Amino acid sequence: MSAPDAPLDTDRPFRRRDALAAGVTDKELRGPGYRSLAHGVYVGTQVPVSPALHARAAALPFPEGSWASHVSAALIHRVPLPQALEQPTGRQQVTVTRARDRRSRDGVDCYLRPAGLTMLKDGTRVSQPAQLFVELAEVLDRLDLVVAGDHLVRRTSLTLSQLLAFCAATTLPGGEAARAAVTDVRERVDSPMETRLRMLIVWAGLPEPRVNFTIRDECGVPVRMYDLSYPEQRLAIDYDGRVHIDRAESWEEDTERRELSHDDGWRLITVLARGVYVTPERTLERIRRAALERGVPGVPAVLGDGWRPHFARLRA
């Protein structure tokens, strides 16, 4: 056996040819000390698996200047995605800037862009948040895209005004869908389920509620915050994320009874996951009825069906 050409850094993804050049055999690569990340790409088993690790492995055969984009970048940015896409070992997306660098690789979707807005995150070159939103418009439906947008303007340095401006100017393939969805993105949204509940309300034709309205005491100290509300009519809608209710239907019925109690004149409607995924019609009627009783302006006589195509997949 010839002497190794160079030491092998097993803390980073490496190609089989580099391992062989460093004196590591194919038998050793198949052993307990190494993990296969992609076709012909490995890493030492001491390295924790993460979306960033898989993205770096996917980008390894591509030249300098390529970056993780689309779903790969979304996972690194920790954007909430549909369950089918939230798999760090799934297909990876890499974007290159030159046509000659675009190539076919097992498990990798390669995109071509003349240029891109990128940044380093978790040691990996990825799309910046505004560009990522437009990239995701190519692969997500509108509801999931609004969820992603709410997350990006809440959890990254991206502001809503910056996102609106980027979507208005972009010529990327997802631009049209991004421009349609960005009008529903809001600031200060704390969770994907809050987004879904808000869009259920809006797409049914009800007036859009305020997000995270905060009540303060006489000294200006926050004392209470509602997920969604109509502050002028003191009507609030909160999502309850608890998942360990043995009898969710009974809990929902009990919750509806508690809604009749007043807290400083506020009427509170509490919605569980079941109320979004399983009984959205019932949830919407509860909100519509309470909004009418409270005098919220613009409440329709009959709820619209605009929400149905967006929530059909969730219901299934």
Protein backbone atom coordinates (compact mmCIF):
# COMPACT_ATOMS: atom_id res chain seq x y z
CA MET A 1 0.00 0.00 0.00
CA SER A 2 1.32 3.42 -0.91
CA ALA A 3 1.78 6.11 1.69
CA PRO A 4 -1.23 8.41 2.23
CA ASP A 5 -1.16 11.69 0.31
CA ALA A 6 -2.65 13.84 3.08
CA PRO A 7 -4.27 13.48 6.49
CA LEU A 8 -8.05 13.01 6.35
CA ASP A 9 -10.29 15.37 8.33
CA THR A 10 -13.16 13.09 9.33
CA ASP A 11 -14.96 15.92 11.14
CA ARG A 12 -16.02 17.24 7.72
CA PRO A 13 -17.72 15.45 4.84
CA PHE A 14 -15.12 13.92 2.52
CA ARG A 15 -15.19 12.02 -0.74
CA ARG A 16 -14.25 8.38 -1.14
CA ARG A 17 -11.33 9.25 -3.41
CA ASP A 18 -9.88 11.51 -0.69
CA ALA A 19 -10.27 8.73 1.87
CA LEU A 20 -8.49 6.25 -0.38
CA ALA A 21 -5.71 8.76 -1.02
CA ALA A 22 -5.32 9.13 2.76
CA GLY A 23 -4.95 5.38 3.19
CA VAL A 24 -8.51 4.53 4.31
CA THR A 25 -9.81 1.37 2.63
CA ASP A 26 -13.29 0.70 1.29
CA LYS A 27 -13.73 -1.92 4.00
CA GLU A 28 -12.95 0.68 6.67
CA LEU A 29 -15.38 3.15 5.11
CA ARG A 30 -18.10 0.51 5.47
CA GLY A 31 -17.13 -0.04 9.09
CA PRO A 32 -18.33 1.56 12.34
CA GLY A 33 -15.97 4.53 12.16
CA TYR A 34 -17.60 6.21 9.17
CA ARG A 35 -21.06 7.23 8.05
CA SER A 36 -22.22 7.50 4.45
CA LEU A 37 -23.96 10.84 3.83
CA ALA A 38 -24.40 10.66 0.06
CA HIS A 39 -23.11 8.67 -2.86
CA GLY A 40 -19.35 8.60 -2.41
CA VAL A 41 -19.41 11.07 0.52
CA TYR A 42 -18.64 10.14 4.13
CA VAL A 43 -17.99 11.61 7.57
CA GLY A 44 -16.71 10.23 10.86
CA THR A 45 -19.42 8.76 13.08
CA GLN A 46 -18.32 11.09 15.89
CA VAL A 47 -19.91 14.02 14.01
CA PRO A 48 -23.55 14.73 14.99
CA VAL A 49 -26.00 14.43 12.13
CA SER A 50 -27.70 17.73 11.22
CA PRO A 51 -29.31 19.41 8.21
CA ALA A 52 -26.16 21.51 7.79
CA LEU A 53 -23.98 18.39 7.70
CA HIS A 54 -26.11 16.80 4.96
CA ALA A 55 -26.16 20.06 3.01
CA ARG A 56 -22.36 20.29 3.12
CA ALA A 57 -22.12 16.70 1.94
CA ALA A 58 -24.47 17.38 -0.97
CA ALA A 59 -22.48 20.48 -1.99
CA LEU A 60 -19.08 18.76 -1.80
CA PRO A 61 -18.95 17.64 -5.47
CA PHE A 62 -19.92 21.14 -6.63
CA PRO A 63 -17.46 24.01 -7.07
CA GLU A 64 -16.74 26.91 -4.77
CA GLY A 65 -19.57 29.43 -4.83
CA SER A 66 -22.42 26.91 -4.75
CA TRP A 67 -24.82 26.98 -1.81
CA ALA A 68 -27.62 25.12 -0.05
CA SER A 69 -30.97 26.46 -1.21
CA HIS A 70 -34.71 25.73 -1.10
CA VAL A 71 -35.63 23.00 1.43
CA SER A 72 -31.99 22.32 2.37
CA ALA A 73 -31.55 25.97 3.37
CA ALA A 74 -34.95 26.04 5.09
CA LEU A 75 -33.95 23.15 7.34
CA ILE A 76 -30.75 24.95 8.30
CA HIS A 77 -32.73 28.14 9.01
CA ARG A 78 -35.10 25.93 11.08
CA VAL A 79 -38.12 26.96 9.03
CA PRO A 80 -41.24 24.90 9.85
CA LEU A 81 -41.99 22.66 6.86
CA PRO A 82 -44.53 19.96 6.01
CA GLN A 83 -43.61 16.74 7.76
CA ALA A 84 -42.69 15.03 4.49
CA LEU A 85 -39.94 17.63 3.93
CA GLU A 86 -38.61 17.84 7.48
CA GLN A 87 -36.08 15.07 6.88
CA PRO A 88 -32.40 16.10 6.93
CA THR A 89 -31.54 12.88 5.08
CA GLY A 90 -34.00 13.58 2.26
CA ARG A 91 -33.26 15.13 -1.12
CA GLN A 92 -30.88 18.06 -0.99
CA GLN A 93 -30.97 21.28 -3.02
CA VAL A 94 -27.79 22.94 -4.28
CA THR A 95 -27.64 26.09 -6.42
CA VAL A 96 -24.76 26.93 -8.76
CA THR A 97 -24.05 30.09 -10.74
CA ARG A 98 -22.60 28.62 -13.96
CA ALA A 99 -24.29 26.23 -16.39
CA ARG A 100 -21.15 24.13 -16.69
CA ASP A 101 -21.26 23.46 -12.95
CA ARG A 102 -24.80 22.09 -13.03
CA ARG A 103 -24.65 18.32 -12.82
CA SER A 104 -26.77 15.34 -11.92
CA ARG A 105 -26.16 13.73 -8.54
CA ASP A 106 -28.11 11.02 -6.72
CA GLY A 107 -30.39 12.61 -4.12
CA VAL A 108 -29.55 16.19 -5.15
CA ASP A 109 -31.63 18.76 -7.03
CA CYS A 110 -29.27 21.23 -8.69
CA TYR A 111 -30.54 24.72 -9.53
CA LEU A 112 -28.90 27.32 -11.74
CA ARG A 113 -28.94 31.02 -10.80
CA PRO A 114 -26.64 33.73 -12.21
CA ALA A 115 -26.17 35.08 -8.69
CA GLY A 116 -27.63 34.73 -5.24
CA LEU A 117 -27.87 36.34 -1.83
CA THR A 118 -26.15 33.94 0.54
CA MET A 119 -24.84 33.80 4.08
CA LEU A 120 -23.05 31.42 6.42
CA LYS A 121 -25.23 29.56 8.90
CA ASP A 122 -24.11 26.61 11.00
CA GLY A 123 -20.89 26.67 8.99
CA THR A 124 -22.75 26.22 5.70
CA ARG A 125 -23.31 28.62 2.79
CA VAL A 126 -27.09 29.02 2.46
CA SER A 127 -29.66 31.32 0.86
CA GLN A 128 -30.46 34.47 2.81
CA PRO A 129 -33.99 34.54 4.31
CA ALA A 130 -35.68 36.79 1.70
CA GLN A 131 -34.30 34.76 -1.19
CA LEU A 132 -35.19 31.56 0.63
CA PHE A 133 -38.84 32.64 0.87
CA VAL A 134 -38.99 32.99 -2.91
CA GLU A 135 -37.19 29.66 -3.41
CA LEU A 136 -39.71 27.95 -1.14
CA ALA A 137 -42.51 29.38 -3.29
CA GLU A 138 -41.36 26.86 -5.91
CA VAL A 139 -41.98 23.87 -3.65
CA LEU A 140 -44.58 24.82 -0.99
CA ASP A 141 -48.28 25.52 -1.24
CA ARG A 142 -49.54 28.93 -0.16
CA LEU A 143 -50.43 28.02 3.44
CA ASP A 144 -47.05 26.43 4.13
CA LEU A 145 -45.35 29.37 2.45
CA VAL A 146 -47.13 31.86 4.74
CA VAL A 147 -46.04 29.72 7.71
CA ALA A 148 -42.46 29.96 6.43
CA GLY A 149 -42.73 33.71 5.91
CA ASP A 150 -44.13 34.33 9.39
CA HIS A 151 -41.24 32.32 10.83
CA LEU A 152 -38.58 34.14 8.80
CA VAL A 153 -39.70 37.62 9.85
CA ARG A 154 -40.04 36.49 13.48
CA ARG A 155 -36.93 34.34 13.95
CA THR A 156 -34.34 35.89 11.63
CA SER A 157 -33.07 39.41 11.00
CA LEU A 158 -35.40 39.76 8.00
CA THR A 159 -38.10 42.40 8.38
CA LEU A 160 -41.50 42.30 6.74
CA SER A 161 -40.78 45.47 4.76
CA GLN A 162 -37.56 43.92 3.44
CA LEU A 163 -39.39 40.75 2.45
CA LEU A 164 -42.12 42.72 0.68
CA ALA A 165 -39.52 44.74 -1.24
CA PHE A 166 -37.55 41.65 -2.25
CA CYS A 167 -40.65 39.82 -3.48
CA ALA A 168 -41.77 42.87 -5.46
CA ALA A 169 -38.43 43.12 -7.27
CA THR A 170 -37.40 39.49 -7.70
CA THR A 171 -37.22 37.76 -11.06
CA LEU A 172 -36.64 34.31 -9.55
CA PRO A 173 -38.93 31.50 -10.74
CA GLY A 174 -40.95 31.51 -7.50
CA GLY A 175 -41.55 35.25 -7.64
CA GLU A 176 -45.21 35.21 -8.70
CA ALA A 177 -46.27 32.76 -5.99
CA ALA A 178 -44.12 34.60 -3.44
CA ARG A 179 -45.77 37.93 -4.27
CA ALA A 180 -49.20 36.38 -3.76
CA ALA A 181 -48.30 34.75 -0.43
CA VAL A 182 -46.26 37.57 1.10
CA THR A 183 -49.39 39.71 1.42
CA ASP A 184 -50.50 37.28 4.17
CA VAL A 185 -47.20 37.29 6.09
CA ARG A 186 -47.34 39.08 9.44
CA GLU A 187 -44.86 40.10 12.11
CA ARG A 188 -44.63 38.75 15.68
CA VAL A 189 -46.28 35.38 14.95
CA ASP A 190 -45.02 32.87 17.51
CA SER A 191 -45.89 29.49 16.00
CA PRO A 192 -46.96 27.70 12.80
CA MET A 193 -50.32 26.82 14.34
CA GLU A 194 -51.02 30.48 15.04
CA THR A 195 -50.39 31.15 11.35
CA ARG A 196 -52.68 28.32 10.29
CA LEU A 197 -55.44 29.47 12.62
CA ARG A 198 -55.15 33.05 11.37
CA MET A 199 -55.32 31.97 7.74
CA LEU A 200 -58.28 29.70 8.44
CA ILE A 201 -60.10 32.75 9.79
CA VAL A 202 -59.08 35.09 6.98
CA TRP A 203 -59.70 32.67 4.10
CA ALA A 204 -63.18 31.97 5.47
CA GLY A 205 -64.00 35.63 4.93
CA LEU A 206 -63.87 36.79 8.54
CA PRO A 207 -62.12 40.08 9.40
CA GLU A 208 -58.41 39.61 10.01
CA PRO A 209 -57.59 39.62 13.73
CA ARG A 210 -54.61 41.39 15.28
CA VAL A 211 -51.53 39.29 16.04
CA ASN A 212 -50.22 39.08 19.61
CA PHE A 213 -52.11 42.05 20.99
CA THR A 214 -50.64 42.88 24.43
CA ILE A 215 -52.59 44.23 27.40
CA ARG A 216 -50.59 46.38 29.80
CA ASP A 217 -51.28 47.63 33.30
CA GLU A 218 -51.38 51.29 34.34
CA CYS A 219 -47.56 51.31 34.51
CA GLY A 220 -47.20 49.92 30.99
CA VAL A 221 -46.10 46.47 32.15
CA PRO A 222 -47.39 43.63 29.92
CA VAL A 223 -49.90 41.51 31.82
CA ARG A 224 -51.52 39.44 29.09
CA MET A 225 -51.11 38.73 25.38
CA TYR A 226 -53.58 37.13 22.99
CA ASP A 227 -52.51 35.17 19.90
CA LEU A 228 -55.27 36.71 17.77
CA SER A 229 -57.82 39.30 18.73
CA TYR A 230 -60.24 42.06 17.85
CA PRO A 231 -59.12 44.51 20.56
CA GLU A 232 -61.83 47.12 20.08
CA GLN A 233 -64.50 44.47 20.70
CA ARG A 234 -62.46 42.64 23.37
CA LEU A 235 -62.67 39.34 21.57
CA ALA A 236 -59.60 37.10 21.68
CA ILE A 237 -58.72 33.80 20.01
CA ASP A 238 -55.90 31.73 21.48
CA TYR A 239 -54.38 28.52 20.17
CA ASP A 240 -53.77 25.92 22.88
CA GLY A 241 -50.92 23.66 21.82
CA ARG A 242 -51.31 20.96 24.45
CA VAL A 243 -51.21 17.51 22.89
CA HIS A 244 -51.69 15.13 25.82
CA ILE A 245 -55.44 15.45 26.27
CA ASP A 246 -56.94 11.97 26.63
CA ARG A 247 -60.33 13.07 25.42
CA ALA A 248 -59.75 15.98 23.05
CA GLU A 249 -63.41 16.25 22.10
CA SER A 250 -64.53 16.56 25.73
CA TRP A 251 -61.76 19.09 26.39
CA GLU A 252 -62.95 21.13 23.42
CA GLU A 253 -66.51 21.12 24.76
CA ASP A 254 -65.30 22.19 28.23
CA THR A 255 -63.23 24.94 26.62
CA GLU A 256 -66.26 26.30 24.80
CA ARG A 257 -68.17 26.50 28.09
CA ARG A 258 -65.30 28.41 29.70
CA GLU A 259 -65.38 30.92 26.87
CA LEU A 260 -68.54 32.38 28.39
CA SER A 261 -66.61 33.62 31.42
CA HIS A 262 -65.27 37.16 31.09
CA ASP A 263 -61.80 38.41 31.95
CA ASP A 264 -61.86 42.20 32.29
CA GLY A 265 -64.67 42.22 29.78
CA TRP A 266 -62.79 40.07 27.26
CA ARG A 267 -64.36 37.06 25.56
CA LEU A 268 -61.79 34.32 24.95
CA ILE A 269 -62.09 31.55 22.38
CA THR A 270 -59.58 28.73 22.81
CA VAL A 271 -58.76 26.52 19.82
CA LEU A 272 -56.96 23.18 19.95
CA ALA A 273 -55.16 21.45 17.08
CA ARG A 274 -58.31 19.39 16.59
CA GLY A 275 -60.19 22.60 15.88
CA VAL A 276 -57.87 23.36 12.96
CA TYR A 277 -57.23 19.87 11.58
CA VAL A 278 -60.44 17.97 12.33
CA THR A 279 -63.31 20.41 12.98
CA PRO A 280 -62.40 23.65 11.18
CA GLU A 281 -66.06 24.37 10.31
CA ARG A 282 -67.00 24.23 13.97
CA THR A 283 -64.09 26.50 14.90
CA LEU A 284 -65.04 29.05 12.26
CA GLU A 285 -68.67 29.07 13.35
CA ARG A 286 -67.65 29.61 16.98
CA ILE A 287 -65.54 32.59 15.95
CA ARG A 288 -68.19 34.00 13.60
CA ARG A 289 -70.89 33.73 16.26
CA ALA A 290 -68.74 35.41 18.90
CA ALA A 291 -67.68 38.14 16.46
CA LEU A 292 -71.32 38.90 15.67
CA GLU A 293 -72.21 39.03 19.36
CA ARG A 294 -69.29 41.37 20.02
CA GLY A 295 -70.08 43.63 17.10
CA VAL A 296 -66.92 43.05 15.09
CA PRO A 297 -67.45 44.92 11.80
CA GLY A 298 -67.35 43.07 8.51
CA VAL A 299 -68.52 39.65 9.74
CA PRO A 300 -70.16 37.83 6.82
CA ALA A 301 -73.65 36.36 7.08
CA VAL A 302 -72.29 33.13 5.61
CA LEU A 303 -68.74 31.85 5.91
CA GLY A 304 -66.79 31.54 2.69
CA ASP A 305 -65.15 28.40 1.33
CA GLY A 306 -61.82 29.99 0.43
CA TRP A 307 -60.08 28.10 3.23
CA ARG A 308 -61.09 24.64 2.04
CA PRO A 309 -58.54 23.97 -0.73
CA HIS A 310 -55.70 25.22 1.51
CA PHE A 311 -56.68 23.06 4.47
CA ALA A 312 -57.71 19.91 2.61
CA ARG A 313 -54.22 18.40 2.95
CA LEU A 314 -54.07 19.19 6.67
CA ARG A 315 -57.46 17.58 7.20
CA ALA A 316 -56.41 14.46 5.32
